[in-house]
Amino acid sequence: MPMIRFPNDAAPAASGSALPVPNPKELRQRTARREITERRRITQRLRQALCTGGFVLHYQPIISLKSGLACGAETLIRLQHARRGLVPASHFMPAAERSDLIIDLAGWIINTACAEAASWPGHFSVCTALAPRHLQSGRLVRQLLEALSRSGLAPGRLQMAITELMLLDDDDDTMFALRALQGLGVPFALNNFGTGYASLSALKRLNFATLRLDRSLVQNMAEPSGVAIMRAAVEAGHALGCKVLAEGVEQEEQFLRLRDLGADEAQGPYFSPPVDAAEMAEMFAQN
């Protein structure tokens, strides 16, 4: 008589059969261990690259919508890889930001940006993103002072971009560090505004020089509702006394619409791809 089994009955293991499938908890633990191991491996390689000059800064030009001329640039770090060429930050910065490596790496970015921007025209500024772990480390102010002193760059020409989430942090040490930076004369930009985190009341906690509108707002301008949202964002930025910069401009139509709406600055592939320091210097020489 054949054996009758029900769905919850375990089938007998056959001789030479495969090992039993791990339960979900074991699978999660294995996955977590693999992720930790991979993160450590990446962090170790990044630390080695930092010690051997394996990083380079590129710059995304910022354009004045009123004059049509470049007036600044945003830093974009790249990892130099023997086989893959220049690796963008999205492939390695998340791992760096989860470890103390970000403190030294961000310090290198600030030092390099100040040194290279010091040779640019006096009206030209450079903007670099601030990582939360770096801000909370207690080393940022000293690194910044050393970079400005070494390069001779005026503090007002170095802009620090922070995220909306950092504004929602109620940690007193975070706000103290941000205000200390502002006391040095370093202006702030609010990065990726419009992604849904900060309220306008939260923006009053710091004085911002620039409100950087997220690229999603620019992409949504193809719809009437998107134009209305962009208009409201520009007006809100101006009401707060900020310049308004639109990120990710890809088309002439977007450029013209932003100019009509009163945005002050923009950046994106429509104007220029990111360029290295030598290309920046050549651009200034031509002018």
C-alpha atoms as a PDB file:
ATOM      1  CA  MET A   1       0.000   0.000   0.000  1.00  0.00           C
ATOM      2  CA  PRO A   2       1.466   3.412  -0.912  1.00  0.00           C
ATOM      3  CA  MET A   3       2.319   5.749   1.939  1.00  0.00           C
ATOM      4  CA  ILE A   4      -0.084   8.705   2.308  1.00  0.00           C
ATOM      5  CA  ARG A   5       1.460  11.993   3.361  1.00  0.00           C
ATOM      6  CA  PHE A   6      -0.140  15.263   4.390  1.00  0.00           C
ATOM      7  CA  PRO A   7       1.361  18.716   3.658  1.00  0.00           C
ATOM      8  CA  ASN A   8       2.808  19.094   7.166  1.00  0.00           C
ATOM      9  CA  ASP A   9       4.425  15.649   7.178  1.00  0.00           C
ATOM     10  CA  ALA A  10       8.190  15.626   6.698  1.00  0.00           C
ATOM     11  CA  ALA A  11       9.374  13.285   3.973  1.00  0.00           C
ATOM     12  CA  PRO A  12      12.000  10.759   5.056  1.00  0.00           C
ATOM     13  CA  ALA A  13      15.521  11.648   4.035  1.00  0.00           C
ATOM     14  CA  ALA A  14      16.792   9.493   1.203  1.00  0.00           C
ATOM     15  CA  SER A  15      20.223   7.988   1.290  1.00  0.00           C
ATOM     16  CA  GLY A  16      22.709  10.397  -0.283  1.00  0.00           C
ATOM     17  CA  SER A  17      20.126  13.212  -0.479  1.00  0.00           C
ATOM     18  CA  ALA A  18      21.026  16.906  -0.182  1.00  0.00           C
ATOM     19  CA  LEU A  19      21.461  18.536   3.218  1.00  0.00           C
ATOM     20  CA  PRO A  20      18.278  19.920   4.808  1.00  0.00           C
ATOM     21  CA  VAL A  21      17.374  23.494   3.859  1.00  0.00           C
ATOM     22  CA  PRO A  22      18.273  25.959   6.665  1.00  0.00           C
ATOM     23  CA  ASN A  23      15.400  27.631   8.417  1.00  0.00           C
ATOM     24  CA  PRO A  24      14.673  31.352   7.724  1.00  0.00           C
ATOM     25  CA  LYS A  25      16.495  32.490  10.869  1.00  0.00           C
ATOM     26  CA  GLU A  26      19.685  30.689   9.837  1.00  0.00           C
ATOM     27  CA  LEU A  27      19.434  32.145   6.333  1.00  0.00           C
ATOM     28  CA  ARG A  28      19.122  35.655   7.742  1.00  0.00           C
ATOM     29  CA  GLN A  29      22.114  35.126   9.993  1.00  0.00           C
ATOM     30  CA  ARG A  30      24.226  33.807   7.098  1.00  0.00           C
ATOM     31  CA  THR A  31      23.206  36.753   4.928  1.00  0.00           C
ATOM     32  CA  ALA A  32      24.052  39.217   7.703  1.00  0.00           C
ATOM     33  CA  ARG A  33      27.493  37.621   8.207  1.00  0.00           C
ATOM     34  CA  ARG A  34      28.214  37.782   4.483  1.00  0.00           C
ATOM     35  CA  GLU A  35      27.193  41.449   4.371  1.00  0.00           C
ATOM     36  CA  ILE A  36      29.417  42.319   7.333  1.00  0.00           C
ATOM     37  CA  THR A  37      32.361  40.481   5.775  1.00  0.00           C
ATOM     38  CA  GLU A  38      31.831  42.202   2.430  1.00  0.00           C
ATOM     39  CA  ARG A  39      31.506  45.614   4.098  1.00  0.00           C
ATOM     40  CA  ARG A  40      34.767  45.097   5.961  1.00  0.00           C
ATOM     41  CA  ARG A  41      36.491  44.020   2.762  1.00  0.00           C
ATOM     42  CA  ILE A  42      35.289  47.114   0.914  1.00  0.00           C
ATOM     43  CA  THR A  43      36.240  49.404   3.809  1.00  0.00           C
ATOM     44  CA  GLN A  44      39.737  47.901   3.922  1.00  0.00           C
ATOM     45  CA  ARG A  45      40.202  48.488   0.193  1.00  0.00           C
ATOM     46  CA  LEU A  46      38.955  52.051   0.511  1.00  0.00           C
ATOM     47  CA  ARG A  47      41.346  52.748   3.371  1.00  0.00           C
ATOM     48  CA  GLN A  48      44.201  51.387   1.278  1.00  0.00           C
ATOM     49  CA  ALA A  49      43.136  53.611  -1.651  1.00  0.00           C
ATOM     50  CA  LEU A  50      43.091  56.639   0.638  1.00  0.00           C
ATOM     51  CA  CYS A  51      46.659  55.898   1.749  1.00  0.00           C
ATOM     52  CA  THR A  52      47.936  55.356  -1.804  1.00  0.00           C
ATOM     53  CA  GLY A  53      46.276  58.270  -3.609  1.00  0.00           C
ATOM     54  CA  GLY A  54      43.532  56.168  -5.117  1.00  0.00           C
ATOM     55  CA  PHE A  55      40.838  58.850  -5.067  1.00  0.00           C
ATOM     56  CA  VAL A  56      40.254  61.866  -7.296  1.00  0.00           C
ATOM     57  CA  LEU A  57      37.802  64.759  -7.168  1.00  0.00           C
ATOM     58  CA  HIS A  58      35.610  65.756 -10.085  1.00  0.00           C
ATOM     59  CA  TYR A  59      33.448  68.859 -10.167  1.00  0.00           C
ATOM     60  CA  GLN A  60      29.890  69.403 -11.412  1.00  0.00           C
ATOM     61  CA  PRO A  61      29.695  73.053 -12.558  1.00  0.00           C
ATOM     62  CA  ILE A  62      26.945  75.240 -11.111  1.00  0.00           C
ATOM     63  CA  ILE A  63      25.392  77.731 -13.523  1.00  0.00           C
ATOM     64  CA  SER A  64      23.830  81.109 -12.771  1.00  0.00           C
ATOM     65  CA  LEU A  65      20.456  81.115 -14.559  1.00  0.00           C
ATOM     66  CA  LYS A  66      20.538  84.898 -14.797  1.00  0.00           C
ATOM     67  CA  SER A  67      23.917  85.248 -16.522  1.00  0.00           C
ATOM     68  CA  GLY A  68      24.241  81.755 -17.998  1.00  0.00           C
ATOM     69  CA  LEU A  69      27.805  81.558 -16.642  1.00  0.00           C
ATOM     70  CA  ALA A  70      29.383  79.101 -14.245  1.00  0.00           C
ATOM     71  CA  CYS A  71      29.613  80.448 -10.702  1.00  0.00           C
ATOM     72  CA  GLY A  72      30.639  77.400  -8.671  1.00  0.00           C
ATOM     73  CA  ALA A  73      30.951  73.626  -8.603  1.00  0.00           C
ATOM     74  CA  GLU A  74      29.965  70.628  -6.509  1.00  0.00           C
ATOM     75  CA  THR A  75      32.557  68.030  -5.540  1.00  0.00           C
ATOM     76  CA  LEU A  76      32.119  64.438  -6.743  1.00  0.00           C
ATOM     77  CA  ILE A  77      34.598  61.863  -5.446  1.00  0.00           C
ATOM     78  CA  ARG A  78      35.757  59.012  -7.683  1.00  0.00           C
ATOM     79  CA  LEU A  79      37.714  55.848  -6.899  1.00  0.00           C
ATOM     80  CA  GLN A  80      40.456  55.003  -9.398  1.00  0.00           C
ATOM     81  CA  HIS A  81      40.211  51.295 -10.209  1.00  0.00           C
ATOM     82  CA  ALA A  82      42.768  49.389 -12.292  1.00  0.00           C
ATOM     83  CA  ARG A  83      40.155  47.543 -14.374  1.00  0.00           C
ATOM     84  CA  ARG A  84      36.925  49.491 -13.934  1.00  0.00           C
ATOM     85  CA  GLY A  85      38.365  52.981 -14.354  1.00  0.00           C
ATOM     86  CA  LEU A  86      36.755  55.755 -12.311  1.00  0.00           C
ATOM     87  CA  VAL A  87      34.163  54.296  -9.946  1.00  0.00           C
ATOM     88  CA  PRO A  88      31.371  56.733  -8.884  1.00  0.00           C
ATOM     89  CA  ALA A  89      30.686  57.480  -5.236  1.00  0.00           C
ATOM     90  CA  SER A  90      27.375  55.603  -5.194  1.00  0.00           C
ATOM     91  CA  HIS A  91      29.338  52.321  -5.389  1.00  0.00           C
ATOM     92  CA  PHE A  92      31.471  52.869  -2.286  1.00  0.00           C
ATOM     93  CA  MET A  93      30.373  55.872  -0.184  1.00  0.00           C
ATOM     94  CA  PRO A  94      27.505  54.015   1.571  1.00  0.00           C
ATOM     95  CA  ALA A  95      30.062  51.556   2.957  1.00  0.00           C
ATOM     96  CA  ALA A  96      32.440  54.373   3.907  1.00  0.00           C
ATOM     97  CA  GLU A  97      29.691  56.301   5.692  1.00  0.00           C
ATOM     98  CA  ARG A  98      28.914  53.296   7.906  1.00  0.00           C
ATOM     99  CA  SER A  99      32.460  53.252   9.275  1.00  0.00           C
ATOM    100  CA  ASP A 100      34.938  55.708  10.761  1.00  0.00           C
ATOM    101  CA  LEU A 101      36.735  55.717   7.417  1.00  0.00           C
ATOM    102  CA  ILE A 102      34.357  58.506   6.364  1.00  0.00           C
ATOM    103  CA  ILE A 103      36.081  60.870   8.807  1.00  0.00           C
ATOM    104  CA  ASP A 104      39.448  60.614   7.054  1.00  0.00           C
ATOM    105  CA  LEU A 105      37.910  60.341   3.590  1.00  0.00           C
ATOM    106  CA  ALA A 106      35.726  63.423   4.072  1.00  0.00           C
ATOM    107  CA  GLY A 107      38.721  65.266   5.486  1.00  0.00           C
ATOM    108  CA  TRP A 108      40.635  64.420   2.308  1.00  0.00           C
ATOM    109  CA  ILE A 109      37.747  65.742   0.194  1.00  0.00           C
ATOM    110  CA  ILE A 110      37.686  69.054   2.073  1.00  0.00           C
ATOM    111  CA  ASN A 111      41.463  69.455   1.918  1.00  0.00           C
ATOM    112  CA  THR A 112      41.617  68.641  -1.802  1.00  0.00           C
ATOM    113  CA  ALA A 113      38.632  70.821  -2.701  1.00  0.00           C
ATOM    114  CA  CYS A 114      40.058  73.823  -0.829  1.00  0.00           C
ATOM    115  CA  ALA A 115      43.497  73.394  -2.423  1.00  0.00           C
ATOM    116  CA  GLU A 116      42.089  73.128  -5.955  1.00  0.00           C
ATOM    117  CA  ALA A 117      39.416  75.823  -5.592  1.00  0.00           C
ATOM    118  CA  ALA A 118      41.960  78.318  -4.247  1.00  0.00           C
ATOM    119  CA  SER A 119      43.283  78.785  -7.800  1.00  0.00           C
ATOM    120  CA  TRP A 120      39.816  79.489  -9.238  1.00  0.00           C
ATOM    121  CA  PRO A 121      38.447  83.030  -9.741  1.00  0.00           C
ATOM    122  CA  GLY A 122      37.457  84.772  -6.520  1.00  0.00           C
ATOM    123  CA  HIS A 123      33.712  84.698  -7.211  1.00  0.00           C
ATOM    124  CA  PHE A 124      33.755  80.929  -7.721  1.00  0.00           C
ATOM    125  CA  SER A 125      32.607  78.714  -4.834  1.00  0.00           C
ATOM    126  CA  VAL A 126      32.887  74.974  -4.176  1.00  0.00           C
ATOM    127  CA  CYS A 127      30.216  72.872  -2.476  1.00  0.00           C
ATOM    128  CA  THR A 128      30.857  69.562  -0.722  1.00  0.00           C
ATOM    129  CA  ALA A 129      28.452  67.248   1.098  1.00  0.00           C
ATOM    130  CA  LEU A 130      28.726  66.773   4.857  1.00  0.00           C
ATOM    131  CA  ALA A 131      28.346  63.237   6.242  1.00  0.00           C
ATOM    132  CA  PRO A 132      26.559  62.842   9.608  1.00  0.00           C
ATOM    133  CA  ARG A 133      29.270  60.581  11.055  1.00  0.00           C
ATOM    134  CA  HIS A 134      31.919  63.124  10.099  1.00  0.00           C
ATOM    135  CA  LEU A 135      29.957  65.946  11.697  1.00  0.00           C
ATOM    136  CA  GLN A 136      29.542  64.017  14.944  1.00  0.00           C
ATOM    137  CA  SER A 137      33.178  62.931  15.113  1.00  0.00           C
ATOM    138  CA  GLY A 138      34.464  66.154  16.645  1.00  0.00           C
ATOM    139  CA  ARG A 139      37.262  66.392  14.046  1.00  0.00           C
ATOM    140  CA  LEU A 140      35.456  68.331  11.332  1.00  0.00           C
ATOM    141  CA  VAL A 141      36.112  71.867  12.584  1.00  0.00           C
ATOM    142  CA  ARG A 142      39.833  71.237  12.993  1.00  0.00           C
ATOM    143  CA  GLN A 143      40.115  69.596   9.574  1.00  0.00           C
ATOM    144  CA  LEU A 144      38.267  72.512   8.049  1.00  0.00           C
ATOM    145  CA  LEU A 145      40.435  75.149   9.707  1.00  0.00           C
ATOM    146  CA  GLU A 146      43.591  73.355   8.601  1.00  0.00           C
ATOM    147  CA  ALA A 147      42.363  73.032   5.003  1.00  0.00           C
ATOM    148  CA  LEU A 148      41.371  76.693   4.773  1.00  0.00           C
ATOM    149  CA  SER A 149      44.638  77.842   6.352  1.00  0.00           C
ATOM    150  CA  ARG A 150      46.785  75.635   4.128  1.00  0.00           C
ATOM    151  CA  SER A 151      45.012  76.621   0.913  1.00  0.00           C
ATOM    152  CA  GLY A 152      44.260  80.261   1.639  1.00  0.00           C
ATOM    153  CA  LEU A 153      40.669  79.771   0.443  1.00  0.00           C
ATOM    154  CA  ALA A 154      38.203  82.224   1.983  1.00  0.00           C
ATOM    155  CA  PRO A 155      35.640  80.411   4.201  1.00  0.00           C
ATOM    156  CA  GLY A 156      32.775  82.003   2.292  1.00  0.00           C
ATOM    157  CA  ARG A 157      33.842  80.192  -0.879  1.00  0.00           C
ATOM    158  CA  LEU A 158      33.466  76.728   0.668  1.00  0.00           C
ATOM    159  CA  GLN A 159      29.845  75.659   1.005  1.00  0.00           C
ATOM    160  CA  MET A 160      28.830  72.639   3.090  1.00  0.00           C
ATOM    161  CA  ALA A 161      25.728  70.738   1.956  1.00  0.00           C
ATOM    162  CA  ILE A 162      23.690  68.940   4.597  1.00  0.00           C
ATOM    163  CA  THR A 163      20.674  66.677   4.232  1.00  0.00           C
ATOM    164  CA  GLU A 164      17.149  67.285   5.461  1.00  0.00           C
ATOM    165  CA  LEU A 165      17.423  64.295   7.806  1.00  0.00           C
ATOM    166  CA  MET A 166      20.308  65.956   9.639  1.00  0.00           C
ATOM    167  CA  LEU A 167      18.016  68.868  10.454  1.00  0.00           C
ATOM    168  CA  LEU A 168      15.580  66.523  12.138  1.00  0.00           C
ATOM    169  CA  ASP A 169      18.278  65.245  14.497  1.00  0.00           C
ATOM    170  CA  ASP A 170      17.534  66.589  17.981  1.00  0.00           C
ATOM    171  CA  ASP A 171      21.078  65.844  19.153  1.00  0.00           C
ATOM    172  CA  ASP A 172      22.439  69.032  20.743  1.00  0.00           C
ATOM    173  CA  ASP A 173      25.999  68.081  19.740  1.00  0.00           C
ATOM    174  CA  THR A 174      24.960  67.981  16.070  1.00  0.00           C
ATOM    175  CA  MET A 175      23.418  71.444  16.173  1.00  0.00           C
ATOM    176  CA  PHE A 176      26.393  72.790  18.154  1.00  0.00           C
ATOM    177  CA  ALA A 177      28.798  71.492  15.500  1.00  0.00           C
ATOM    178  CA  LEU A 178      26.717  72.957  12.668  1.00  0.00           C
ATOM    179  CA  ARG A 179      26.571  76.357  14.359  1.00  0.00           C
ATOM    180  CA  ALA A 180      30.326  76.218  15.009  1.00  0.00           C
ATOM    181  CA  LEU A 181      30.900  75.752  11.284  1.00  0.00           C
ATOM    182  CA  GLN A 182      28.591  78.629  10.517  1.00  0.00           C
ATOM    183  CA  GLY A 183      30.497  80.754  13.013  1.00  0.00           C
ATOM    184  CA  LEU A 184      33.642  80.222  10.930  1.00  0.00           C
ATOM    185  CA  GLY A 185      31.924  81.914   7.999  1.00  0.00           C
ATOM    186  CA  VAL A 186      31.239  78.701   6.057  1.00  0.00           C
ATOM    187  CA  PRO A 187      27.815  78.895   4.332  1.00  0.00           C
ATOM    188  CA  PHE A 188      25.378  75.991   4.294  1.00  0.00           C
ATOM    189  CA  ALA A 189      23.304  74.478   1.515  1.00  0.00           C
ATOM    190  CA  LEU A 190      20.330  72.219   2.158  1.00  0.00           C
ATOM    191  CA  ASN A 191      20.719  69.207  -0.115  1.00  0.00           C
ATOM    192  CA  ASN A 192      17.957  67.399  -2.027  1.00  0.00           C
ATOM    193  CA  PHE A 193      15.151  69.611  -0.766  1.00  0.00           C
ATOM    194  CA  GLY A 194      11.744  68.268  -1.715  1.00  0.00           C
ATOM    195  CA  THR A 195      12.313  64.589  -0.908  1.00  0.00           C
ATOM    196  CA  GLY A 196       9.758  64.781   1.899  1.00  0.00           C
ATOM    197  CA  TYR A 197      11.669  64.883   5.189  1.00  0.00           C
ATOM    198  CA  ALA A 198      12.027  68.429   6.457  1.00  0.00           C
ATOM    199  CA  SER A 199       9.321  70.926   7.189  1.00  0.00           C
ATOM    200  CA  LEU A 200       9.820  74.634   6.632  1.00  0.00           C
ATOM    201  CA  SER A 201       9.927  75.120  10.407  1.00  0.00           C
ATOM    202  CA  ALA A 202      12.937  72.807  10.604  1.00  0.00           C
ATOM    203  CA  LEU A 203      14.772  75.018   8.112  1.00  0.00           C
ATOM    204  CA  LYS A 204      14.683  77.890  10.587  1.00  0.00           C
ATOM    205  CA  ARG A 205      17.142  76.090  12.847  1.00  0.00           C
ATOM    206  CA  LEU A 206      20.046  77.242  10.629  1.00  0.00           C
ATOM    207  CA  ASN A 207      20.710  80.058   8.213  1.00  0.00           C
ATOM    208  CA  PHE A 208      21.063  78.605   4.738  1.00  0.00           C
ATOM    209  CA  ALA A 209      22.742  80.284   1.812  1.00  0.00           C
ATOM    210  CA  THR A 210      21.349  77.868  -0.779  1.00  0.00           C
ATOM    211  CA  LEU A 211      18.355  75.574  -1.103  1.00  0.00           C
ATOM    212  CA  ARG A 212      19.265  72.723  -3.456  1.00  0.00           C
ATOM    213  CA  LEU A 213      16.076  71.364  -5.033  1.00  0.00           C
ATOM    214  CA  ASP A 214      16.068  67.625  -5.634  1.00  0.00           C
ATOM    215  CA  ARG A 215      16.296  66.425  -9.240  1.00  0.00           C
ATOM    216  CA  SER A 216      12.917  64.715  -8.883  1.00  0.00           C
ATOM    217  CA  LEU A 217      11.261  68.147  -8.750  1.00  0.00           C
ATOM    218  CA  VAL A 218      12.964  69.080 -12.025  1.00  0.00           C
ATOM    219  CA  GLN A 219      11.890  65.845 -13.708  1.00  0.00           C
ATOM    220  CA  ASN A 220       8.280  66.350 -12.617  1.00  0.00           C
ATOM    221  CA  MET A 221       8.013  69.737 -14.317  1.00  0.00           C
ATOM    222  CA  ALA A 222       6.628  68.002 -17.405  1.00  0.00           C
ATOM    223  CA  GLU A 223       3.281  68.021 -15.557  1.00  0.00           C
ATOM    224  CA  PRO A 224       1.346  71.171 -14.513  1.00  0.00           C
ATOM    225  CA  SER A 225       1.306  69.962 -10.902  1.00  0.00           C
ATOM    226  CA  GLY A 226       5.089  69.590 -11.035  1.00  0.00           C
ATOM    227  CA  VAL A 227       5.473  73.174 -12.212  1.00  0.00           C
ATOM    228  CA  ALA A 228       3.240  74.370  -9.370  1.00  0.00           C
ATOM    229  CA  ILE A 229       5.338  72.456  -6.824  1.00  0.00           C
ATOM    230  CA  MET A 230       8.551  73.858  -8.272  1.00  0.00           C
ATOM    231  CA  ARG A 231       7.145  77.401  -8.136  1.00  0.00           C
ATOM    232  CA  ALA A 232       6.196  76.904  -4.474  1.00  0.00           C
ATOM    233  CA  ALA A 233       9.672  75.535  -3.660  1.00  0.00           C
ATOM    234  CA  VAL A 234      11.393  78.492  -5.330  1.00  0.00           C
ATOM    235  CA  GLU A 235       9.170  80.955  -3.486  1.00  0.00           C
ATOM    236  CA  ALA A 236       9.778  79.163  -0.178  1.00  0.00           C
ATOM    237  CA  GLY A 237      13.531  79.322  -0.684  1.00  0.00           C
ATOM    238  CA  HIS A 238      13.470  83.008  -1.473  1.00  0.00           C
ATOM    239  CA  ALA A 239      11.210  83.671   1.520  1.00  0.00           C
ATOM    240  CA  LEU A 240      13.912  82.094   3.691  1.00  0.00           C
ATOM    241  CA  GLY A 241      16.550  84.331   2.136  1.00  0.00           C
ATOM    242  CA  CYS A 242      18.200  81.505   0.179  1.00  0.00           C
ATOM    243  CA  LYS A 243      19.445  81.182  -3.349  1.00  0.00           C
ATOM    244  CA  VAL A 244      17.548  78.375  -5.052  1.00  0.00           C
ATOM    245  CA  LEU A 245      19.527  75.807  -7.052  1.00  0.00           C
ATOM    246  CA  ALA A 246      17.893  73.090  -9.167  1.00  0.00           C
ATOM    247  CA  GLU A 247      19.735  69.779  -9.515  1.00  0.00           C
ATOM    248  CA  GLY A 248      19.722  67.375 -12.447  1.00  0.00           C
ATOM    249  CA  VAL A 249      18.800  69.655 -15.357  1.00  0.00           C
ATOM    250  CA  GLU A 250      18.898  67.584 -18.546  1.00  0.00           C
ATOM    251  CA  GLN A 251      16.914  69.548 -21.145  1.00  0.00           C
ATOM    252  CA  GLU A 252      16.690  73.080 -22.509  1.00  0.00           C
ATOM    253  CA  GLU A 253      12.989  73.165 -21.683  1.00  0.00           C
ATOM    254  CA  GLN A 254      13.780  72.533 -18.015  1.00  0.00           C
ATOM    255  CA  PHE A 255      16.410  75.272 -18.037  1.00  0.00           C
ATOM    256  CA  LEU A 256      14.017  77.824 -19.558  1.00  0.00           C
ATOM    257  CA  ARG A 257      11.196  76.896 -17.191  1.00  0.00           C
ATOM    258  CA  LEU A 258      13.449  77.186 -14.140  1.00  0.00           C
ATOM    259  CA  ARG A 259      14.643  80.592 -15.279  1.00  0.00           C
ATOM    260  CA  ASP A 260      11.047  81.747 -15.767  1.00  0.00           C
ATOM    261  CA  LEU A 261      10.102  80.487 -12.302  1.00  0.00           C
ATOM    262  CA  GLY A 262      12.877  82.562 -10.751  1.00  0.00           C
ATOM    263  CA  ALA A 263      15.353  79.865  -9.713  1.00  0.00           C
ATOM    264  CA  ASP A 264      18.827  81.310  -9.223  1.00  0.00           C
ATOM    265  CA  GLU A 265      21.186  78.475 -10.132  1.00  0.00           C
ATOM    266  CA  ALA A 266      21.180  75.025 -11.699  1.00  0.00           C
ATOM    267  CA  GLN A 267      23.433  72.106 -12.508  1.00  0.00           C
ATOM    268  CA  GLY A 268      23.181  68.958 -14.556  1.00  0.00           C
ATOM    269  CA  PRO A 269      24.230  67.278 -17.807  1.00  0.00           C
ATOM    270  CA  TYR A 270      22.446  69.911 -19.925  1.00  0.00           C
ATOM    271  CA  PHE A 271      25.117  72.406 -18.899  1.00  0.00           C
ATOM    272  CA  SER A 272      28.171  70.217 -18.399  1.00  0.00           C
ATOM    273  CA  PRO A 273      29.240  66.749 -17.304  1.00  0.00           C
ATOM    274  CA  PRO A 274      31.469  66.533 -14.223  1.00  0.00           C
ATOM    275  CA  VAL A 275      35.044  67.574 -15.009  1.00  0.00           C
ATOM    276  CA  ASP A 276      38.357  67.074 -13.249  1.00  0.00           C
ATOM    277  CA  ALA A 277      40.519  69.808 -11.743  1.00  0.00           C
ATOM    278  CA  ALA A 278      42.661  70.151 -14.880  1.00  0.00           C
ATOM    279  CA  GLU A 279      39.559  70.705 -17.031  1.00  0.00           C
ATOM    280  CA  MET A 280      38.304  73.299 -14.570  1.00  0.00           C
ATOM    281  CA  ALA A 281      41.616  75.144 -14.774  1.00  0.00           C
ATOM    282  CA  GLU A 282      41.528  75.010 -18.584  1.00  0.00           C
ATOM    283  CA  MET A 283      38.008  76.449 -18.574  1.00  0.00           C
ATOM    284  CA  PHE A 284      39.149  79.417 -16.521  1.00  0.00           C
ATOM    285  CA  ALA A 285      42.197  79.944 -18.714  1.00  0.00           C
ATOM    286  CA  GLN A 286      39.989  80.142 -21.813  1.00  0.00           C
ATOM    287  CA  ASN A 287      37.867  82.842 -20.186  1.00  0.00           C
END
